[in-house]
Amino acid sequence: MTRLLRTLARSFAPATLLLAAPACASTPATATAAVVPAQAGPALWKVADEDTTIYLFGTVHVLPKGGTWFDDRISGALAASDTIVTELPPTAMSDPSAQTTIMALAMLPPEKTLRAMLTDEQRATYEAALGKLKMPPQALDRFEPWFAAMTLSMLPLLQNGYAADSGVEKVLEAKAAANVKREAVETLEGQLRLFDELPADEQAAFLASVSEQIDQVVPQLAEMVTAWEAGDADRLAALMNESMKDDPVLAERLLYGRNRTWAGWIADRLAQPGTVFMAVGAGHLAGEKSVQEALAARGIQSVRVQ
């Protein structure tokens, strides 16, 4: 369970950064996900009928500065699109209400403290991780364990040159023309509640696991980014989704269920003519029970764009 959550903490939109720094019927093709040979550059998929094209692009929310992933394939698909769709609205993190939303979900009641919710072993591991990040033991005492865990997952990345401003969504938003319609499939509050509603003991175990592996945060994400940049969807799936086997109930809630929901959104969107560029976390477009598999179950084909 905790390995799954470590992966997802780096796959969700980095909310912690805010505080830490004419309709027509579609005609789907056969129910398969067509595959083309692997190529250099992040994977780009396409779903289409007679008058609708939906590009599917897997994102990484934080990246080192100076990336060169925005190639001609991605540029062309984005330029051809009249709508760009992301997990969250592009203004989600800059909206003044975002901090209020985060604080309402992340703060503990006045009578509670984070470290008091941990076992002695968990507390020691957690405080050691804070020390490595040059943070005092009480730094996150007012926050729930899930939020502290997500913060710890992000801080090593920020300290090693990763930035949300270099993340895929930020780059796509800057590159998309001003007249391109912006849409989202989720809300900030909805995403955060996926973690906030976890039982307290699972949150504590999540925090302890992140703390124990604090030295691996940067190399693990670097390995994922390497696979993503190379367009190696199989490798990316192994790195990001292998841990789903640890807790299938949690994986259903945090990943597979969302994949099916998004596939439903895509199926509905095919009833409207136009071209859409849909950018969601790369883990949702790789491996078993991916968005592509959910589309195939609906009789909708997705094709890897060369």
C-alpha atoms as a PDB file:
ATOM      1  CA  MET A   1       0.000   0.000   0.000  1.00  0.00           C
ATOM      2  CA  THR A   2       2.618   2.559   0.959  1.00  0.00           C
ATOM      3  CA  ARG A   3       4.727   1.993  -2.159  1.00  0.00           C
ATOM      4  CA  LEU A   4       1.631   2.686  -4.227  1.00  0.00           C
ATOM      5  CA  LEU A   5       1.025   5.914  -2.354  1.00  0.00           C
ATOM      6  CA  ARG A   6       4.631   7.037  -2.759  1.00  0.00           C
ATOM      7  CA  THR A   7       4.225   6.732  -6.515  1.00  0.00           C
ATOM      8  CA  LEU A   8       0.885   8.508  -6.542  1.00  0.00           C
ATOM      9  CA  ALA A   9       2.162  11.332  -4.368  1.00  0.00           C
ATOM     10  CA  ARG A  10       4.553  12.248  -7.161  1.00  0.00           C
ATOM     11  CA  SER A  11       1.926  11.634  -9.849  1.00  0.00           C
ATOM     12  CA  PHE A  12      -0.826  13.888  -8.543  1.00  0.00           C
ATOM     13  CA  ALA A  13      -0.860  17.622  -9.154  1.00  0.00           C
ATOM     14  CA  PRO A  14       1.629  19.086  -6.637  1.00  0.00           C
ATOM     15  CA  ALA A  15      -0.782  20.938  -4.360  1.00  0.00           C
ATOM     16  CA  THR A  16       1.882  21.025  -1.684  1.00  0.00           C
ATOM     17  CA  LEU A  17       3.828  23.529  -3.781  1.00  0.00           C
ATOM     18  CA  LEU A  18       1.283  26.155  -2.853  1.00  0.00           C
ATOM     19  CA  LEU A  19       2.426  26.046   0.756  1.00  0.00           C
ATOM     20  CA  ALA A  20       5.907  24.650   0.434  1.00  0.00           C
ATOM     21  CA  ALA A  21       7.067  27.260  -1.895  1.00  0.00           C
ATOM     22  CA  PRO A  22     -22.922  20.240 -32.935  1.00  0.00           C
ATOM     23  CA  ALA A  23     -23.479  16.860 -31.504  1.00  0.00           C
ATOM     24  CA  CYS A  24     -23.311  13.711 -33.647  1.00  0.00           C
ATOM     25  CA  ALA A  25     -22.931  10.046 -32.870  1.00  0.00           C
ATOM     26  CA  SER A  26     -19.434   8.649 -32.683  1.00  0.00           C
ATOM     27  CA  THR A  27     -18.418   5.545 -34.584  1.00  0.00           C
ATOM     28  CA  PRO A  28     -15.798   3.694 -32.564  1.00  0.00           C
ATOM     29  CA  ALA A  29     -13.477   1.181 -34.116  1.00  0.00           C
ATOM     30  CA  THR A  30     -12.677  -2.268 -32.784  1.00  0.00           C
ATOM     31  CA  ALA A  31     -11.962  -2.655 -29.105  1.00  0.00           C
ATOM     32  CA  THR A  32      -8.184  -2.715 -29.177  1.00  0.00           C
ATOM     33  CA  ALA A  33      -5.309  -0.420 -28.339  1.00  0.00           C
ATOM     34  CA  ALA A  34      -3.104  -0.338 -31.407  1.00  0.00           C
ATOM     35  CA  VAL A  35       0.623  -0.245 -30.743  1.00  0.00           C
ATOM     36  CA  VAL A  36       3.424   1.147 -32.876  1.00  0.00           C
ATOM     37  CA  PRO A  37       7.162   0.678 -32.330  1.00  0.00           C
ATOM     38  CA  ALA A  38       8.678   2.636 -29.464  1.00  0.00           C
ATOM     39  CA  GLN A  39      10.279   5.911 -30.426  1.00  0.00           C
ATOM     40  CA  ALA A  40      12.208   8.734 -28.860  1.00  0.00           C
ATOM     41  CA  GLY A  41       9.979  11.285 -27.213  1.00  0.00           C
ATOM     42  CA  PRO A  42       7.074  10.950 -24.801  1.00  0.00           C
ATOM     43  CA  ALA A  43       4.210   8.721 -25.938  1.00  0.00           C
ATOM     44  CA  LEU A  44       1.266  10.372 -27.674  1.00  0.00           C
ATOM     45  CA  TRP A  45      -1.972   8.488 -28.369  1.00  0.00           C
ATOM     46  CA  LYS A  46      -5.021   9.313 -30.476  1.00  0.00           C
ATOM     47  CA  VAL A  47      -8.710   8.422 -30.356  1.00  0.00           C
ATOM     48  CA  ALA A  48     -10.779   9.476 -33.362  1.00  0.00           C
ATOM     49  CA  ASP A  49     -13.991   9.087 -35.313  1.00  0.00           C
ATOM     50  CA  GLU A  50     -15.288  10.868 -38.440  1.00  0.00           C
ATOM     51  CA  ASP A  51     -15.276  14.372 -37.002  1.00  0.00           C
ATOM     52  CA  THR A  52     -13.518  14.191 -33.627  1.00  0.00           C
ATOM     53  CA  THR A  53      -9.897  13.640 -32.668  1.00  0.00           C
ATOM     54  CA  ILE A  54      -8.728  13.354 -29.068  1.00  0.00           C
ATOM     55  CA  TYR A  55      -5.005  13.222 -28.381  1.00  0.00           C
ATOM     56  CA  LEU A  56      -3.919  11.543 -25.128  1.00  0.00           C
ATOM     57  CA  PHE A  57      -0.637  12.703 -23.649  1.00  0.00           C
ATOM     58  CA  GLY A  58       0.882  11.520 -20.395  1.00  0.00           C
ATOM     59  CA  THR A  59       2.322  14.234 -18.185  1.00  0.00           C
ATOM     60  CA  VAL A  60       4.891  14.589 -15.443  1.00  0.00           C
ATOM     61  CA  HIS A  61       3.860  17.358 -13.061  1.00  0.00           C
ATOM     62  CA  VAL A  62       7.358  18.449 -12.042  1.00  0.00           C
ATOM     63  CA  LEU A  63      10.448  18.316 -14.242  1.00  0.00           C
ATOM     64  CA  PRO A  64      13.983  19.706 -14.283  1.00  0.00           C
ATOM     65  CA  LYS A  65      14.358  22.995 -16.076  1.00  0.00           C
ATOM     66  CA  GLY A  66      15.418  23.036 -19.719  1.00  0.00           C
ATOM     67  CA  GLY A  67      13.665  19.896 -20.937  1.00  0.00           C
ATOM     68  CA  THR A  68      13.401  19.229 -24.681  1.00  0.00           C
ATOM     69  CA  TRP A  69      10.385  16.907 -24.698  1.00  0.00           C
ATOM     70  CA  PHE A  70       8.106  19.365 -26.561  1.00  0.00           C
ATOM     71  CA  ASP A  71       8.823  17.967 -30.035  1.00  0.00           C
ATOM     72  CA  ASP A  72       7.133  18.407 -33.421  1.00  0.00           C
ATOM     73  CA  ARG A  73       4.591  15.628 -32.773  1.00  0.00           C
ATOM     74  CA  ILE A  74       3.354  17.210 -29.575  1.00  0.00           C
ATOM     75  CA  SER A  75       3.559  20.735 -30.956  1.00  0.00           C
ATOM     76  CA  GLY A  76       1.553  19.739 -34.040  1.00  0.00           C
ATOM     77  CA  ALA A  77      -1.125  17.939 -32.029  1.00  0.00           C
ATOM     78  CA  LEU A  78      -1.503  20.880 -29.662  1.00  0.00           C
ATOM     79  CA  ALA A  79      -1.621  23.405 -32.497  1.00  0.00           C
ATOM     80  CA  ALA A  80      -4.341  21.376 -34.225  1.00  0.00           C
ATOM     81  CA  SER A  81      -6.505  21.269 -31.102  1.00  0.00           C
ATOM     82  CA  ASP A  82      -9.345  23.627 -30.274  1.00  0.00           C
ATOM     83  CA  THR A  83      -9.502  22.411 -26.655  1.00  0.00           C
ATOM     84  CA  ILE A  84      -6.882  21.413 -24.101  1.00  0.00           C
ATOM     85  CA  VAL A  85      -7.997  19.232 -21.198  1.00  0.00           C
ATOM     86  CA  THR A  86      -5.988  18.643 -18.040  1.00  0.00           C
ATOM     87  CA  GLU A  87      -6.682  16.952 -14.719  1.00  0.00           C
ATOM     88  CA  LEU A  88      -7.145  20.287 -12.974  1.00  0.00           C
ATOM     89  CA  PRO A  89      -8.106  23.715 -14.322  1.00  0.00           C
ATOM     90  CA  PRO A  90      -4.980  25.701 -15.243  1.00  0.00           C
ATOM     91  CA  THR A  91      -5.834  28.290 -12.591  1.00  0.00           C
ATOM     92  CA  ALA A  92      -6.458  25.723  -9.843  1.00  0.00           C
ATOM     93  CA  MET A  93      -3.248  26.425  -7.958  1.00  0.00           C
ATOM     94  CA  SER A  94      -3.213  30.185  -8.508  1.00  0.00           C
ATOM     95  CA  ASP A  95      -6.820  30.716  -7.472  1.00  0.00           C
ATOM     96  CA  PRO A  96      -6.930  32.448  -4.058  1.00  0.00           C
ATOM     97  CA  SER A  97      -9.403  29.824  -2.897  1.00  0.00           C
ATOM     98  CA  ALA A  98      -6.856  27.040  -3.433  1.00  0.00           C
ATOM     99  CA  GLN A  99      -4.949  27.721  -0.240  1.00  0.00           C
ATOM    100  CA  THR A 100      -8.205  27.844   1.716  1.00  0.00           C
ATOM    101  CA  THR A 101      -9.200  24.480   0.236  1.00  0.00           C
ATOM    102  CA  ILE A 102      -5.855  22.915   1.042  1.00  0.00           C
ATOM    103  CA  MET A 103      -5.759  24.271   4.569  1.00  0.00           C
ATOM    104  CA  ALA A 104      -9.309  23.110   5.270  1.00  0.00           C
ATOM    105  CA  LEU A 105      -8.416  19.560   4.302  1.00  0.00           C
ATOM    106  CA  ALA A 106      -4.807  19.383   5.455  1.00  0.00           C
ATOM    107  CA  MET A 107      -4.900  21.028   8.891  1.00  0.00           C
ATOM    108  CA  LEU A 108      -5.338  18.985  12.042  1.00  0.00           C
ATOM    109  CA  PRO A 109      -7.768  20.044  14.779  1.00  0.00           C
ATOM    110  CA  PRO A 110      -6.110  22.294  17.405  1.00  0.00           C
ATOM    111  CA  GLU A 111      -5.962  19.481  19.958  1.00  0.00           C
ATOM    112  CA  LYS A 112      -3.991  17.165  17.667  1.00  0.00           C
ATOM    113  CA  THR A 113      -0.417  17.133  16.395  1.00  0.00           C
ATOM    114  CA  LEU A 114       1.060  15.116  13.555  1.00  0.00           C
ATOM    115  CA  ARG A 115       3.854  13.445  15.467  1.00  0.00           C
ATOM    116  CA  ALA A 116       1.464  12.365  18.221  1.00  0.00           C
ATOM    117  CA  MET A 117      -0.393  10.322  15.588  1.00  0.00           C
ATOM    118  CA  LEU A 118       2.718   8.275  14.795  1.00  0.00           C
ATOM    119  CA  THR A 119       4.200   5.270  16.537  1.00  0.00           C
ATOM    120  CA  ASP A 120       7.614   5.722  18.101  1.00  0.00           C
ATOM    121  CA  GLU A 121       9.245   3.994  15.131  1.00  0.00           C
ATOM    122  CA  GLN A 122       7.307   6.038  12.592  1.00  0.00           C
ATOM    123  CA  ARG A 123       8.125   9.248  14.438  1.00  0.00           C
ATOM    124  CA  ALA A 124      11.834   8.507  14.500  1.00  0.00           C
ATOM    125  CA  THR A 125      11.871   7.736  10.782  1.00  0.00           C
ATOM    126  CA  TYR A 126       9.875  10.864  10.013  1.00  0.00           C
ATOM    127  CA  GLU A 127      12.061  13.172  12.092  1.00  0.00           C
ATOM    128  CA  ALA A 128      15.185  11.713  10.493  1.00  0.00           C
ATOM    129  CA  ALA A 129      13.757  12.532   7.053  1.00  0.00           C
ATOM    130  CA  LEU A 130      12.999  16.089   8.150  1.00  0.00           C
ATOM    131  CA  GLY A 131      16.586  16.402   9.351  1.00  0.00           C
ATOM    132  CA  LYS A 132      17.883  15.358   5.940  1.00  0.00           C
ATOM    133  CA  LEU A 133      15.765  18.107   4.421  1.00  0.00           C
ATOM    134  CA  LYS A 134      17.079  20.579   7.003  1.00  0.00           C
ATOM    135  CA  MET A 135      13.640  21.069   8.538  1.00  0.00           C
ATOM    136  CA  PRO A 136      12.911  21.184  12.289  1.00  0.00           C
ATOM    137  CA  PRO A 137      10.965  18.252  13.796  1.00  0.00           C
ATOM    138  CA  GLN A 138       7.887  20.402  14.450  1.00  0.00           C
ATOM    139  CA  ALA A 139       7.790  21.884  10.926  1.00  0.00           C
ATOM    140  CA  LEU A 140       4.624  20.066   9.813  1.00  0.00           C
ATOM    141  CA  ASP A 141       3.037  19.293  13.172  1.00  0.00           C
ATOM    142  CA  ARG A 142      -0.192  21.099  12.324  1.00  0.00           C
ATOM    143  CA  PHE A 143      -0.846  19.027   9.203  1.00  0.00           C
ATOM    144  CA  GLU A 144      -2.429  15.641   8.578  1.00  0.00           C
ATOM    145  CA  PRO A 145      -0.042  12.800   7.718  1.00  0.00           C
ATOM    146  CA  TRP A 146      -1.097  12.579   4.063  1.00  0.00           C
ATOM    147  CA  PHE A 147      -0.198  16.217   3.504  1.00  0.00           C
ATOM    148  CA  ALA A 148       3.133  15.888   5.281  1.00  0.00           C
ATOM    149  CA  ALA A 149       3.885  12.846   3.126  1.00  0.00           C
ATOM    150  CA  MET A 150       3.120  14.686  -0.091  1.00  0.00           C
ATOM    151  CA  THR A 151       5.243  17.611   1.086  1.00  0.00           C
ATOM    152  CA  LEU A 152       8.167  15.308   1.834  1.00  0.00           C
ATOM    153  CA  SER A 153       7.735  13.738  -1.608  1.00  0.00           C
ATOM    154  CA  MET A 154       8.024  17.143  -3.254  1.00  0.00           C
ATOM    155  CA  LEU A 155      10.741  18.936  -1.266  1.00  0.00           C
ATOM    156  CA  PRO A 156      13.706  16.777  -2.393  1.00  0.00           C
ATOM    157  CA  LEU A 157      12.645  17.412  -5.984  1.00  0.00           C
ATOM    158  CA  LEU A 158      12.484  21.156  -5.455  1.00  0.00           C
ATOM    159  CA  GLN A 159      15.874  21.078  -3.779  1.00  0.00           C
ATOM    160  CA  ASN A 160      17.345  19.243  -6.781  1.00  0.00           C
ATOM    161  CA  GLY A 161      16.216  21.485  -9.628  1.00  0.00           C
ATOM    162  CA  TYR A 162      12.742  20.121 -10.336  1.00  0.00           C
ATOM    163  CA  ALA A 163       9.970  22.697 -10.655  1.00  0.00           C
ATOM    164  CA  ALA A 164       6.253  22.821 -11.321  1.00  0.00           C
ATOM    165  CA  ASP A 165       6.893  25.670 -13.764  1.00  0.00           C
ATOM    166  CA  SER A 166       8.860  23.170 -15.866  1.00  0.00           C
ATOM    167  CA  GLY A 167       6.143  20.538 -15.532  1.00  0.00           C
ATOM    168  CA  VAL A 168       4.264  19.392 -18.599  1.00  0.00           C
ATOM    169  CA  GLU A 169       0.980  21.127 -17.815  1.00  0.00           C
ATOM    170  CA  LYS A 170       2.651  24.488 -17.338  1.00  0.00           C
ATOM    171  CA  VAL A 171       4.535  24.173 -20.632  1.00  0.00           C
ATOM    172  CA  LEU A 172       1.444  23.068 -22.544  1.00  0.00           C
ATOM    173  CA  GLU A 173      -0.577  25.925 -21.093  1.00  0.00           C
ATOM    174  CA  ALA A 174       2.083  28.427 -22.162  1.00  0.00           C
ATOM    175  CA  LYS A 175       2.331  26.932 -25.654  1.00  0.00           C
ATOM    176  CA  ALA A 176      -1.415  26.679 -26.311  1.00  0.00           C
ATOM    177  CA  ALA A 177      -2.964  29.605 -28.173  1.00  0.00           C
ATOM    178  CA  ALA A 178      -5.053  32.017 -26.142  1.00  0.00           C
ATOM    179  CA  ASN A 179      -8.208  31.108 -28.056  1.00  0.00           C
ATOM    180  CA  VAL A 180      -7.882  27.399 -27.233  1.00  0.00           C
ATOM    181  CA  LYS A 181     -10.619  26.334 -24.823  1.00  0.00           C
ATOM    182  CA  ARG A 182      -9.422  25.087 -21.430  1.00  0.00           C
ATOM    183  CA  GLU A 183     -11.238  22.245 -19.643  1.00  0.00           C
ATOM    184  CA  ALA A 184     -10.520  19.898 -16.740  1.00  0.00           C
ATOM    185  CA  VAL A 185     -11.749  16.470 -15.660  1.00  0.00           C
ATOM    186  CA  GLU A 186     -11.256  16.944 -11.903  1.00  0.00           C
ATOM    187  CA  THR A 187     -11.074  19.578  -9.187  1.00  0.00           C
ATOM    188  CA  LEU A 188      -8.364  20.352  -6.664  1.00  0.00           C
ATOM    189  CA  GLU A 189     -10.634  19.492  -3.767  1.00  0.00           C
ATOM    190  CA  GLY A 190     -11.638  16.212  -5.371  1.00  0.00           C
ATOM    191  CA  GLN A 191      -8.024  15.169  -5.870  1.00  0.00           C
ATOM    192  CA  LEU A 192      -6.993  16.069  -2.337  1.00  0.00           C
ATOM    193  CA  ARG A 193      -9.947  14.246  -0.820  1.00  0.00           C
ATOM    194  CA  LEU A 194      -8.656  11.021  -2.357  1.00  0.00           C
ATOM    195  CA  PHE A 195      -5.832  11.259   0.185  1.00  0.00           C
ATOM    196  CA  ASP A 196      -7.621  13.121   2.960  1.00  0.00           C
ATOM    197  CA  GLU A 197     -10.282  10.394   3.246  1.00  0.00           C
ATOM    198  CA  LEU A 198      -7.724   7.632   3.799  1.00  0.00           C
ATOM    199  CA  PRO A 199      -7.917   6.117   7.301  1.00  0.00           C
ATOM    200  CA  ALA A 200      -5.520   7.698   9.805  1.00  0.00           C
ATOM    201  CA  ASP A 201      -3.410   4.546  10.156  1.00  0.00           C
ATOM    202  CA  GLU A 202      -2.920   4.335   6.380  1.00  0.00           C
ATOM    203  CA  GLN A 203      -1.930   7.994   6.295  1.00  0.00           C
ATOM    204  CA  ALA A 204       0.635   7.422   9.043  1.00  0.00           C
ATOM    205  CA  ALA A 205       2.038   4.393   7.214  1.00  0.00           C
ATOM    206  CA  PHE A 206       2.186   6.470   4.030  1.00  0.00           C
ATOM    207  CA  LEU A 207       4.189   9.178   5.803  1.00  0.00           C
ATOM    208  CA  ALA A 208       6.550   6.664   7.381  1.00  0.00           C
ATOM    209  CA  SER A 209       7.161   4.995   4.021  1.00  0.00           C
ATOM    210  CA  VAL A 210       7.921   8.289   2.294  1.00  0.00           C
ATOM    211  CA  SER A 211      10.220   9.222   5.169  1.00  0.00           C
ATOM    212  CA  GLU A 212      12.067   5.918   5.008  1.00  0.00           C
ATOM    213  CA  GLN A 213      12.646   6.311   1.272  1.00  0.00           C
ATOM    214  CA  ILE A 214      13.404  10.034   1.267  1.00  0.00           C
ATOM    215  CA  ASP A 215      16.815   9.486  -0.334  1.00  0.00           C
ATOM    216  CA  GLN A 216      15.189   7.642  -3.234  1.00  0.00           C
ATOM    217  CA  VAL A 217      12.638  10.289  -4.227  1.00  0.00           C
ATOM    218  CA  VAL A 218      14.902  12.038  -6.735  1.00  0.00           C
ATOM    219  CA  PRO A 219      16.493   8.943  -8.355  1.00  0.00           C
ATOM    220  CA  GLN A 220      13.111   7.185  -8.601  1.00  0.00           C
ATOM    221  CA  LEU A 221      11.480  10.111 -10.365  1.00  0.00           C
ATOM    222  CA  ALA A 222      14.554  10.563 -12.565  1.00  0.00           C
ATOM    223  CA  GLU A 223      14.174   6.942 -13.702  1.00  0.00           C
ATOM    224  CA  MET A 224      10.493   7.526 -14.453  1.00  0.00           C
ATOM    225  CA  VAL A 225      11.268  10.700 -16.397  1.00  0.00           C
ATOM    226  CA  THR A 226      13.913   8.858 -18.443  1.00  0.00           C
ATOM    227  CA  ALA A 227      11.357   6.206 -19.447  1.00  0.00           C
ATOM    228  CA  TRP A 228       8.751   8.889 -20.150  1.00  0.00           C
ATOM    229  CA  GLU A 229      11.096  10.965 -22.321  1.00  0.00           C
ATOM    230  CA  ALA A 230      12.062   7.841 -24.292  1.00  0.00           C
ATOM    231  CA  GLY A 231       8.425   6.983 -24.971  1.00  0.00           C
ATOM    232  CA  ASP A 232       8.908   3.622 -23.233  1.00  0.00           C
ATOM    233  CA  ALA A 233       5.345   3.110 -22.005  1.00  0.00           C
ATOM    234  CA  ASP A 234       6.016  -0.447 -20.819  1.00  0.00           C
ATOM    235  CA  ARG A 235       8.933   0.620 -18.659  1.00  0.00           C
ATOM    236  CA  LEU A 236       7.000   3.561 -17.301  1.00  0.00           C
ATOM    237  CA  ALA A 237       4.101   1.275 -16.430  1.00  0.00           C
ATOM    238  CA  ALA A 238       6.436  -1.076 -14.576  1.00  0.00           C
ATOM    239  CA  LEU A 239       7.962   1.784 -12.596  1.00  0.00           C
ATOM    240  CA  MET A 240       4.735   3.587 -11.776  1.00  0.00           C
ATOM    241  CA  ASN A 241       2.096   0.900 -11.578  1.00  0.00           C
ATOM    242  CA  GLU A 242       3.786  -2.297 -10.410  1.00  0.00           C
ATOM    243  CA  SER A 243       3.009  -1.366  -6.832  1.00  0.00           C
ATOM    244  CA  MET A 244      -0.706  -1.375  -7.593  1.00  0.00           C
ATOM    245  CA  LYS A 245      -0.635  -5.102  -6.840  1.00  0.00           C
ATOM    246  CA  ASP A 246       0.149  -4.269  -3.205  1.00  0.00           C
ATOM    247  CA  ASP A 247      -3.286  -2.836  -2.509  1.00  0.00           C
ATOM    248  CA  PRO A 248      -5.881  -3.445  -5.261  1.00  0.00           C
ATOM    249  CA  VAL A 249      -8.640  -1.707  -3.267  1.00  0.00           C
ATOM    250  CA  LEU A 250      -6.630   1.484  -2.963  1.00  0.00           C
ATOM    251  CA  ALA A 251      -5.460   1.239  -6.576  1.00  0.00           C
ATOM    252  CA  GLU A 252      -9.086   0.980  -7.672  1.00  0.00           C
ATOM    253  CA  ARG A 253      -9.925   4.161  -5.818  1.00  0.00           C
ATOM    254  CA  LEU A 254      -6.935   6.252  -6.757  1.00  0.00           C
ATOM    255  CA  LEU A 255      -6.126   5.033 -10.260  1.00  0.00           C
ATOM    256  CA  TYR A 256      -8.320   2.473 -12.003  1.00  0.00           C
ATOM    257  CA  GLY A 257     -11.657   4.065 -11.125  1.00  0.00           C
ATOM    258  CA  ARG A 258     -10.443   7.425 -12.335  1.00  0.00           C
ATOM    259  CA  ASN A 259      -9.184   5.850 -15.557  1.00  0.00           C
ATOM    260  CA  ARG A 260     -12.659   4.463 -16.272  1.00  0.00           C
ATOM    261  CA  THR A 261     -14.241   7.815 -15.460  1.00  0.00           C
ATOM    262  CA  TRP A 262     -11.918   9.598 -17.875  1.00  0.00           C
ATOM    263  CA  ALA A 263     -12.600   6.969 -20.551  1.00  0.00           C
ATOM    264  CA  GLY A 264     -16.284   7.779 -20.097  1.00  0.00           C
ATOM    265  CA  TRP A 265     -15.501  11.461 -20.553  1.00  0.00           C
ATOM    266  CA  ILE A 266     -13.607  10.675 -23.771  1.00  0.00           C
ATOM    267  CA  ALA A 267     -16.460   8.514 -25.080  1.00  0.00           C
ATOM    268  CA  ASP A 268     -18.923  11.332 -24.446  1.00  0.00           C
ATOM    269  CA  ARG A 269     -16.597  13.898 -26.005  1.00  0.00           C
ATOM    270  CA  LEU A 270     -16.408  11.872 -29.219  1.00  0.00           C
ATOM    271  CA  ALA A 271     -20.043  12.887 -29.774  1.00  0.00           C
ATOM    272  CA  GLN A 272     -18.870  16.479 -30.307  1.00  0.00           C
ATOM    273  CA  PRO A 273     -16.850  17.434 -33.391  1.00  0.00           C
ATOM    274  CA  GLY A 274     -13.460  19.025 -32.909  1.00  0.00           C
ATOM    275  CA  THR A 275      -9.902  18.264 -31.818  1.00  0.00           C
ATOM    276  CA  VAL A 276      -8.940  17.868 -28.182  1.00  0.00           C
ATOM    277  CA  PHE A 277      -5.526  17.616 -26.530  1.00  0.00           C
ATOM    278  CA  MET A 278      -5.973  15.726 -23.251  1.00  0.00           C
ATOM    279  CA  ALA A 279      -3.004  15.759 -20.891  1.00  0.00           C
ATOM    280  CA  VAL A 280      -3.169  13.628 -17.729  1.00  0.00           C
ATOM    281  CA  GLY A 281      -0.639  11.932 -15.480  1.00  0.00           C
ATOM    282  CA  ALA A 282       1.541   9.486 -17.413  1.00  0.00           C
ATOM    283  CA  GLY A 283       0.713   6.605 -15.060  1.00  0.00           C
ATOM    284  CA  HIS A 284      -2.901   6.698 -16.244  1.00  0.00           C
ATOM    285  CA  LEU A 285      -1.861   5.993 -19.855  1.00  0.00           C
ATOM    286  CA  ALA A 286       0.415   3.029 -19.178  1.00  0.00           C
ATOM    287  CA  GLY A 287       0.039  -0.541 -17.986  1.00  0.00           C
ATOM    288  CA  GLU A 288      -2.942  -2.654 -17.051  1.00  0.00           C
ATOM    289  CA  LYS A 289      -6.320  -0.973 -16.501  1.00  0.00           C
ATOM    290  CA  SER A 290      -5.064   2.200 -18.162  1.00  0.00           C
ATOM    291  CA  VAL A 291      -7.315   4.751 -19.811  1.00  0.00           C
ATOM    292  CA  GLN A 292      -6.622   3.005 -23.126  1.00  0.00           C
ATOM    293  CA  GLU A 293      -7.797  -0.332 -21.729  1.00  0.00           C
ATOM    294  CA  ALA A 294     -10.908   1.326 -20.321  1.00  0.00           C
ATOM    295  CA  LEU A 295     -11.585   2.774 -23.763  1.00  0.00           C
ATOM    296  CA  ALA A 296     -11.105  -0.636 -25.384  1.00  0.00           C
ATOM    297  CA  ALA A 297     -13.696  -2.074 -23.001  1.00  0.00           C
ATOM    298  CA  ARG A 298     -16.103   0.489 -24.461  1.00  0.00           C
ATOM    299  CA  GLY A 299     -15.208  -0.536 -28.025  1.00  0.00           C
ATOM    300  CA  ILE A 300     -13.068   2.533 -28.644  1.00  0.00           C
ATOM    301  CA  GLN A 301      -9.637   2.182 -30.239  1.00  0.00           C
ATOM    302  CA  SER A 302      -6.624   4.224 -29.186  1.00  0.00           C
ATOM    303  CA  VAL A 303      -3.628   4.429 -31.487  1.00  0.00           C
ATOM    304  CA  ARG A 304      -0.050   5.398 -30.675  1.00  0.00           C
ATOM    305  CA  VAL A 305       0.910   8.414 -32.789  1.00  0.00           C
ATOM    306  CA  GLN A 306       4.211   8.043 -34.615  1.00  0.00           C
END
